[in-house]
Amino acid sequence: MPRRAVVTGVTGQDGSYLAELLLEKGYEVVGVTRRLSAPNLERIEHLRGRVDLRQADLLDQMSLLSVIDEVRPHEVYNLAAMSFVPTSWTQPVLTGDYNAQGVTRLLDAIRRVDTSIRFYQASSSEMFGKVRETPQTEATPFHPRSPYGVSKTFAHYITVNYRESYDLFAVAGILFNHESPRRGLEFVTRKVTDGVARIKLGLADRLSLGNLDAHRDWGFAGDYVRTMWRMLQQDVPRDYVIATGVSRSVGDLVETAFGHAGLDWREHVRTDPALLRPAEVDHLIGDASKARAELGWSPAVDFERLIGMMVDADLARHRAPTPPLAVGASTR
């Protein structure tokens, strides 16, 4: 009998890659989506018919209980979140409700239905914030610098608390930045690669960015979801830092992306103070030694290949012909 997995946030970047991986491994995959007037399914369109989509919401305890009780999964991966850091300053309460209390609701649903279900929580390098040491490990103290980081810290610790209090197999992956052509356009990596594509094709001339000196540890999302799965296959539940161990600045990102397209970034990029964060996280770099030793973690896609992949995908997207209007459609 195939194993069953519930994936919240299945329509996002990580959710789509994880659903692909689980299907390849023979799982029955149930994707949890929120009720929206215009569903956002483009990242999993190629999986339609293979993923069972169920409606539930991290704000609604009963909907989570219903899905867990009906599906009776072997594994639950919680990838749903208010994930764009700048928005967490304009919507801090909602960010906390989704990212912090939403995780509590999901964990409690598992506790009430079946304590043998294994649970993965998507923790974040943003929890380290104003870093106490470099590089950051599982033992590095947290000092989040945004409502998003604070909410993820609560979610991380409530996962640990349910593991220790109720003997759940509940783990948290402290994933550093991971990107792909499926990344949302609001995130800096995709903002840059999309901007490069538009400039290359004559659709734009300038790209406005915030802090070019901020450093991040960037990897490929497709590599990272494999480690999420591995964490739930272990004999003992443990939390892990997942990172490449290489730190790059936003300036490095810009230079690599523009260079891939044969452009000089200095002719097109300007900094805009309005895009700076109220409290910046300056230097994130992870030490994934524990994951390398215990999970066999090894990223397959390096930074240059990742950014080139994203630029090429955005160039192809902007070059694609605009779909014709449907019969009877109006442009007004």
Protein backbone atom coordinates (compact mmCIF):
# COMPACT_ATOMS: atom_id res chain seq x y z
CA MET A 1 0.00 0.00 0.00
CA PRO A 2 1.51 3.38 -0.99
CA ARG A 3 2.46 5.88 1.64
CA ARG A 4 0.32 9.00 1.89
CA ALA A 5 1.60 12.52 2.45
CA VAL A 6 -0.20 15.79 3.10
CA VAL A 7 1.60 18.89 1.80
CA THR A 8 0.38 22.32 2.87
CA GLY A 9 1.51 25.14 0.61
CA VAL A 10 1.54 22.70 -2.32
CA THR A 11 1.00 25.51 -4.85
CA GLY A 12 4.19 27.31 -3.79
CA GLN A 13 7.75 26.86 -4.99
CA ASP A 14 8.77 24.23 -2.41
CA GLY A 15 5.39 22.52 -2.44
CA SER A 16 5.51 21.92 -6.18
CA TYR A 17 9.03 20.45 -6.08
CA LEU A 18 8.17 18.31 -3.04
CA ALA A 19 4.99 17.00 -4.67
CA GLU A 20 7.03 15.97 -7.72
CA LEU A 21 9.55 14.17 -5.51
CA LEU A 22 6.92 12.32 -3.48
CA LEU A 23 5.06 11.22 -6.62
CA GLU A 24 8.33 9.89 -8.05
CA LYS A 25 8.71 7.85 -4.86
CA GLY A 26 5.25 6.35 -5.24
CA TYR A 27 3.40 8.37 -2.61
CA GLU A 28 -0.24 9.35 -2.71
CA VAL A 29 0.01 13.14 -2.39
CA VAL A 30 -2.73 15.30 -0.91
CA GLY A 31 -2.15 19.01 -1.39
CA VAL A 32 -3.81 21.46 0.99
CA THR A 33 -4.90 24.75 -0.53
CA ARG A 34 -6.78 27.76 0.79
CA ARG A 35 -10.12 28.71 -0.73
CA LEU A 36 -9.39 31.53 -3.19
CA SER A 37 -11.64 33.22 -5.75
CA ALA A 38 -8.87 32.75 -8.34
CA PRO A 39 -6.83 29.62 -7.46
CA ASN A 40 -3.09 29.92 -8.05
CA LEU A 41 -2.23 26.50 -9.50
CA GLU A 42 0.33 27.31 -12.21
CA ARG A 43 3.27 25.71 -10.37
CA ILE A 44 1.45 22.37 -10.11
CA GLU A 45 -0.52 22.51 -13.37
CA HIS A 46 1.65 19.67 -14.74
CA LEU A 47 0.66 17.56 -11.70
CA ARG A 48 -3.11 18.02 -12.04
CA GLY A 49 -4.85 14.68 -11.76
CA ARG A 50 -1.94 13.22 -9.79
CA VAL A 51 -2.24 15.39 -6.66
CA ASP A 52 -5.46 15.24 -4.63
CA LEU A 53 -6.24 18.87 -3.73
CA ARG A 54 -8.17 19.50 -0.50
CA GLN A 55 -9.30 22.85 0.89
CA ALA A 56 -8.20 23.79 4.40
CA ASP A 57 -6.68 26.80 6.11
CA LEU A 58 -4.07 27.24 8.84
CA LEU A 59 -6.45 29.79 10.40
CA ASP A 60 -9.24 27.18 10.70
CA GLN A 61 -8.63 24.37 13.20
CA MET A 62 -11.65 22.30 12.11
CA SER A 63 -10.60 22.25 8.45
CA LEU A 64 -7.17 20.93 9.42
CA LEU A 65 -8.67 18.27 11.68
CA SER A 66 -10.99 17.18 8.88
CA VAL A 67 -8.19 16.76 6.33
CA ILE A 68 -5.92 14.86 8.72
CA ASP A 69 -8.79 12.62 9.86
CA GLU A 70 -10.03 11.89 6.33
CA VAL A 71 -6.63 11.29 4.73
CA ARG A 72 -4.84 9.61 7.66
CA PRO A 73 -1.43 10.43 6.14
CA HIS A 74 1.85 8.84 7.11
CA GLU A 75 3.64 12.19 6.72
CA VAL A 76 2.66 15.87 6.86
CA TYR A 77 4.87 18.60 5.40
CA ASN A 78 3.92 22.11 6.49
CA LEU A 79 5.21 24.49 3.82
CA ALA A 80 2.33 26.96 3.98
CA ALA A 81 3.15 30.40 5.36
CA MET A 82 3.02 34.13 4.91
CA SER A 83 6.46 33.92 3.34
CA PHE A 84 7.38 37.39 2.03
CA VAL A 85 9.42 39.11 4.74
CA PRO A 86 8.59 42.78 3.84
CA THR A 87 4.85 42.03 4.05
CA SER A 88 5.30 40.87 7.63
CA TRP A 89 5.87 44.49 8.69
CA THR A 90 2.61 45.68 7.12
CA GLN A 91 0.64 42.61 8.29
CA PRO A 92 2.39 41.47 11.48
CA VAL A 93 -0.68 40.06 13.24
CA LEU A 94 -1.81 38.01 10.24
CA THR A 95 1.76 36.80 9.74
CA GLY A 96 1.85 35.57 13.32
CA ASP A 97 -1.53 33.90 13.04
CA TYR A 98 -0.56 31.94 9.94
CA ASN A 99 3.08 31.19 10.63
CA ALA A 100 2.98 30.67 14.40
CA GLN A 101 -0.50 29.71 15.59
CA GLY A 102 -1.24 27.99 12.28
CA VAL A 103 1.54 25.51 13.04
CA THR A 104 0.11 24.95 16.53
CA ARG A 105 -3.29 24.19 15.03
CA LEU A 106 -1.78 21.69 12.59
CA LEU A 107 0.34 19.96 15.23
CA ASP A 108 -2.63 19.72 17.54
CA ALA A 109 -4.74 18.21 14.76
CA ILE A 110 -2.08 15.51 14.32
CA ARG A 111 -1.93 14.94 18.09
CA ARG A 112 -5.70 14.48 18.26
CA VAL A 113 -6.05 12.21 15.20
CA ASP A 114 -2.93 9.99 15.12
CA THR A 115 0.33 10.51 16.97
CA SER A 116 2.19 8.16 14.60
CA ILE A 117 1.99 10.73 11.78
CA ARG A 118 5.40 12.24 11.03
CA PHE A 119 5.55 16.03 10.74
CA TYR A 120 7.96 18.37 8.96
CA GLN A 121 7.99 22.11 9.75
CA ALA A 122 9.61 24.60 7.37
CA SER A 123 11.78 26.72 9.66
CA SER A 124 13.87 29.58 8.27
CA SER A 125 17.34 31.09 8.44
CA GLU A 126 15.54 34.40 9.12
CA MET A 127 15.18 33.16 12.70
CA PHE A 128 18.90 33.84 13.20
CA GLY A 129 18.41 37.48 12.22
CA LYS A 130 21.07 39.56 13.97
CA VAL A 131 23.46 36.65 13.98
CA ARG A 132 25.36 35.73 17.14
CA GLU A 133 27.95 33.66 15.27
CA THR A 134 29.03 32.88 11.72
CA PRO A 135 28.33 30.40 10.23
CA GLN A 136 25.04 29.45 11.87
CA THR A 137 24.39 25.93 13.18
CA GLU A 138 21.53 24.16 14.95
CA ALA A 139 22.96 25.48 18.24
CA THR A 140 23.20 29.16 17.20
CA PRO A 141 20.81 31.36 19.27
CA PHE A 142 17.94 32.99 17.40
CA HIS A 143 17.58 36.78 17.17
CA PRO A 144 14.89 37.41 14.52
CA ARG A 145 14.74 40.86 12.93
CA SER A 146 11.27 40.86 11.37
CA PRO A 147 7.74 39.79 12.31
CA TYR A 148 8.25 36.95 9.82
CA GLY A 149 11.39 35.78 11.62
CA VAL A 150 9.64 36.04 15.00
CA SER A 151 6.67 33.99 13.76
CA LYS A 152 8.96 31.30 12.35
CA THR A 153 10.84 31.14 15.65
CA PHE A 154 7.58 30.47 17.51
CA ALA A 155 6.68 27.78 14.95
CA HIS A 156 10.09 26.19 15.37
CA TYR A 157 9.84 26.01 19.13
CA ILE A 158 6.22 24.81 19.16
CA THR A 159 7.36 21.95 16.91
CA VAL A 160 10.10 21.08 19.39
CA ASN A 161 7.59 21.42 22.25
CA TYR A 162 5.07 18.99 20.69
CA ARG A 163 7.89 16.53 19.99
CA GLU A 164 9.04 16.63 23.58
CA SER A 165 5.58 16.85 25.19
CA TYR A 166 3.59 14.36 23.10
CA ASP A 167 6.33 12.13 21.67
CA LEU A 168 5.47 13.15 18.10
CA PHE A 169 7.94 12.55 15.28
CA ALA A 170 8.04 16.28 14.57
CA VAL A 171 11.09 17.91 13.01
CA ALA A 172 12.08 21.34 11.72
CA GLY A 173 14.36 22.02 8.80
CA ILE A 174 16.16 25.35 9.20
CA LEU A 175 16.47 26.01 5.50
CA PHE A 176 18.58 28.86 4.23
CA ASN A 177 17.48 30.73 1.09
CA HIS A 178 16.55 28.39 -1.72
CA GLU A 179 15.44 29.60 -5.11
CA SER A 180 14.31 28.40 -8.55
CA PRO A 181 12.50 29.55 -11.68
CA ARG A 182 9.29 28.94 -9.66
CA ARG A 183 10.20 31.56 -7.05
CA GLY A 184 7.67 34.38 -6.66
CA LEU A 185 8.42 37.60 -8.51
CA GLU A 186 8.41 39.58 -5.25
CA PHE A 187 11.55 37.82 -3.94
CA VAL A 188 14.89 39.49 -4.66
CA THR A 189 16.42 36.64 -6.68
CA ARG A 190 13.45 36.45 -9.02
CA LYS A 191 13.06 40.23 -9.10
CA VAL A 192 16.64 40.39 -10.37
CA THR A 193 16.42 37.57 -12.93
CA ASP A 194 13.09 38.84 -14.26
CA GLY A 195 14.50 42.36 -14.43
CA VAL A 196 17.53 41.09 -16.36
CA ALA A 197 15.27 39.30 -18.85
CA ARG A 198 13.11 42.38 -19.37
CA ILE A 199 16.15 44.62 -19.89
CA LYS A 200 17.78 42.12 -22.27
CA LEU A 201 14.63 41.98 -24.40
CA GLY A 202 14.13 45.76 -24.43
CA LEU A 203 11.06 45.67 -22.20
CA ALA A 204 12.71 47.75 -19.46
CA ASP A 205 15.86 49.78 -18.88
CA ARG A 206 16.23 50.04 -15.09
CA LEU A 207 16.04 47.80 -12.03
CA SER A 208 15.55 49.27 -8.55
CA LEU A 209 16.87 47.35 -5.55
CA GLY A 210 17.47 47.88 -1.84
CA ASN A 211 20.55 46.77 0.10
CA LEU A 212 23.16 45.31 -2.29
CA ASP A 213 25.46 44.46 0.62
CA ALA A 214 23.12 42.00 2.37
CA HIS A 215 24.55 38.46 2.24
CA ARG A 216 22.57 35.24 1.89
CA ASP A 217 23.31 31.54 1.50
CA TRP A 218 21.44 30.65 -1.71
CA GLY A 219 20.71 27.15 -3.04
CA PHE A 220 18.32 25.38 -5.41
CA ALA A 221 14.86 24.52 -4.05
CA GLY A 222 14.82 21.17 -5.87
CA ASP A 223 17.86 20.08 -3.84
CA TYR A 224 16.34 21.21 -0.55
CA VAL A 225 13.04 19.33 -0.76
CA ARG A 226 14.91 16.02 -1.01
CA THR A 227 16.35 16.72 2.43
CA MET A 228 12.89 17.52 3.84
CA TRP A 229 11.87 13.99 2.84
CA ARG A 230 15.05 12.46 4.27
CA MET A 231 14.40 14.11 7.63
CA LEU A 232 11.14 12.18 7.96
CA GLN A 233 12.81 8.85 7.07
CA GLN A 234 15.20 8.87 10.04
CA ASP A 235 14.91 6.66 13.11
CA VAL A 236 15.10 9.61 15.52
CA PRO A 237 13.45 13.03 15.00
CA ARG A 238 16.08 15.77 14.80
CA ASP A 239 16.22 19.34 13.50
CA TYR A 240 18.76 20.28 10.83
CA VAL A 241 20.30 23.35 9.22
CA ILE A 242 20.18 22.95 5.43
CA ALA A 243 22.50 25.32 3.55
CA THR A 244 25.24 25.44 0.94
CA GLY A 245 27.79 27.01 3.30
CA VAL A 246 28.60 29.70 0.71
CA SER A 247 27.53 33.30 1.29
CA ARG A 248 26.87 35.72 -1.58
CA SER A 249 25.83 39.35 -1.51
CA VAL A 250 22.86 40.76 -3.38
CA GLY A 251 25.51 42.58 -5.42
CA ASP A 252 27.02 39.20 -6.38
CA LEU A 253 23.56 38.02 -7.40
CA VAL A 254 23.08 41.09 -9.57
CA GLU A 255 26.49 40.79 -11.24
CA THR A 256 26.00 37.06 -11.94
CA ALA A 257 22.51 37.50 -13.40
CA PHE A 258 23.38 40.45 -15.62
CA GLY A 259 26.64 38.78 -16.68
CA HIS A 260 24.76 35.63 -17.72
CA ALA A 261 22.73 37.77 -20.14
CA GLY A 262 25.80 39.65 -21.41
CA LEU A 263 24.85 42.90 -19.69
CA ASP A 264 26.73 45.36 -17.46
CA TRP A 265 24.66 45.72 -14.29
CA ARG A 266 26.13 49.14 -13.49
CA GLU A 267 24.29 50.60 -16.49
CA HIS A 268 20.88 49.46 -15.28
CA VAL A 269 20.70 49.04 -11.48
CA ARG A 270 19.89 51.79 -9.01
CA THR A 271 19.42 51.56 -5.25
CA ASP A 272 16.19 52.83 -3.74
CA PRO A 273 16.15 53.66 0.02
CA ALA A 274 12.41 52.94 0.06
CA LEU A 275 13.23 49.27 -0.53
CA LEU A 276 15.41 48.92 2.57
CA ARG A 277 14.07 46.84 5.48
CA PRO A 278 13.36 48.58 8.83
CA ALA A 279 15.78 46.09 10.44
CA GLU A 280 18.16 44.36 8.06
CA VAL A 281 19.56 40.85 8.32
CA ASP A 282 23.04 41.41 6.98
CA HIS A 283 24.95 38.14 6.85
CA LEU A 284 23.41 34.67 6.78
CA ILE A 285 25.53 31.59 6.05
CA GLY A 286 24.72 28.10 7.24
CA ASP A 287 26.85 25.25 8.53
CA ALA A 288 25.09 22.06 7.39
CA SER A 289 27.74 19.66 8.75
CA LYS A 290 25.18 17.73 10.77
CA ALA A 291 22.92 17.25 7.73
CA ARG A 292 25.87 16.20 5.59
CA ALA A 293 26.93 13.58 8.12
CA GLU A 294 23.50 12.21 9.07
CA LEU A 295 21.33 12.83 5.99
CA GLY A 296 23.86 12.73 3.18
CA TRP A 297 22.99 16.34 2.29
CA SER A 298 24.92 17.63 -0.72
CA PRO A 299 23.59 20.37 -3.01
CA ALA A 300 23.79 19.44 -6.68
CA VAL A 301 23.20 22.91 -8.18
CA ASP A 302 25.69 25.69 -7.45
CA PHE A 303 24.97 29.42 -7.32
CA GLU A 304 26.07 30.30 -10.86
CA ARG A 305 24.06 27.47 -12.40
CA LEU A 306 21.01 28.37 -10.31
CA ILE A 307 21.00 32.03 -11.33
CA GLY A 308 21.67 31.13 -14.97
CA MET A 309 18.74 28.70 -14.87
CA MET A 310 16.47 31.42 -13.50
CA VAL A 311 17.57 34.05 -16.05
CA ASP A 312 17.05 31.58 -18.92
CA ALA A 313 13.58 30.68 -17.66
CA ASP A 314 12.57 34.35 -17.42
CA LEU A 315 13.95 35.06 -20.89
CA ALA A 316 11.91 32.16 -22.28
CA ARG A 317 8.79 33.35 -20.47
CA HIS A 318 9.03 36.90 -21.82
CA ARG A 319 9.78 35.64 -25.33
CA ALA A 320 6.75 33.36 -25.35
CA PRO A 321 3.92 34.63 -27.55
CA THR A 322 0.93 36.13 -25.77
CA PRO A 323 -1.96 33.62 -25.83
CA PRO A 324 -4.73 34.66 -28.24
CA LEU A 325 -7.94 36.06 -26.78
CA ALA A 326 -10.74 33.57 -26.45
CA VAL A 327 -13.62 33.87 -28.90
CA GLY A 328 -15.91 36.66 -27.77
CA ALA A 329 -13.33 38.12 -25.41
CA SER A 330 -12.91 41.87 -25.15
CA THR A 331 -9.84 43.99 -24.52
CA ARG A 332 -11.90 46.71 -22.88
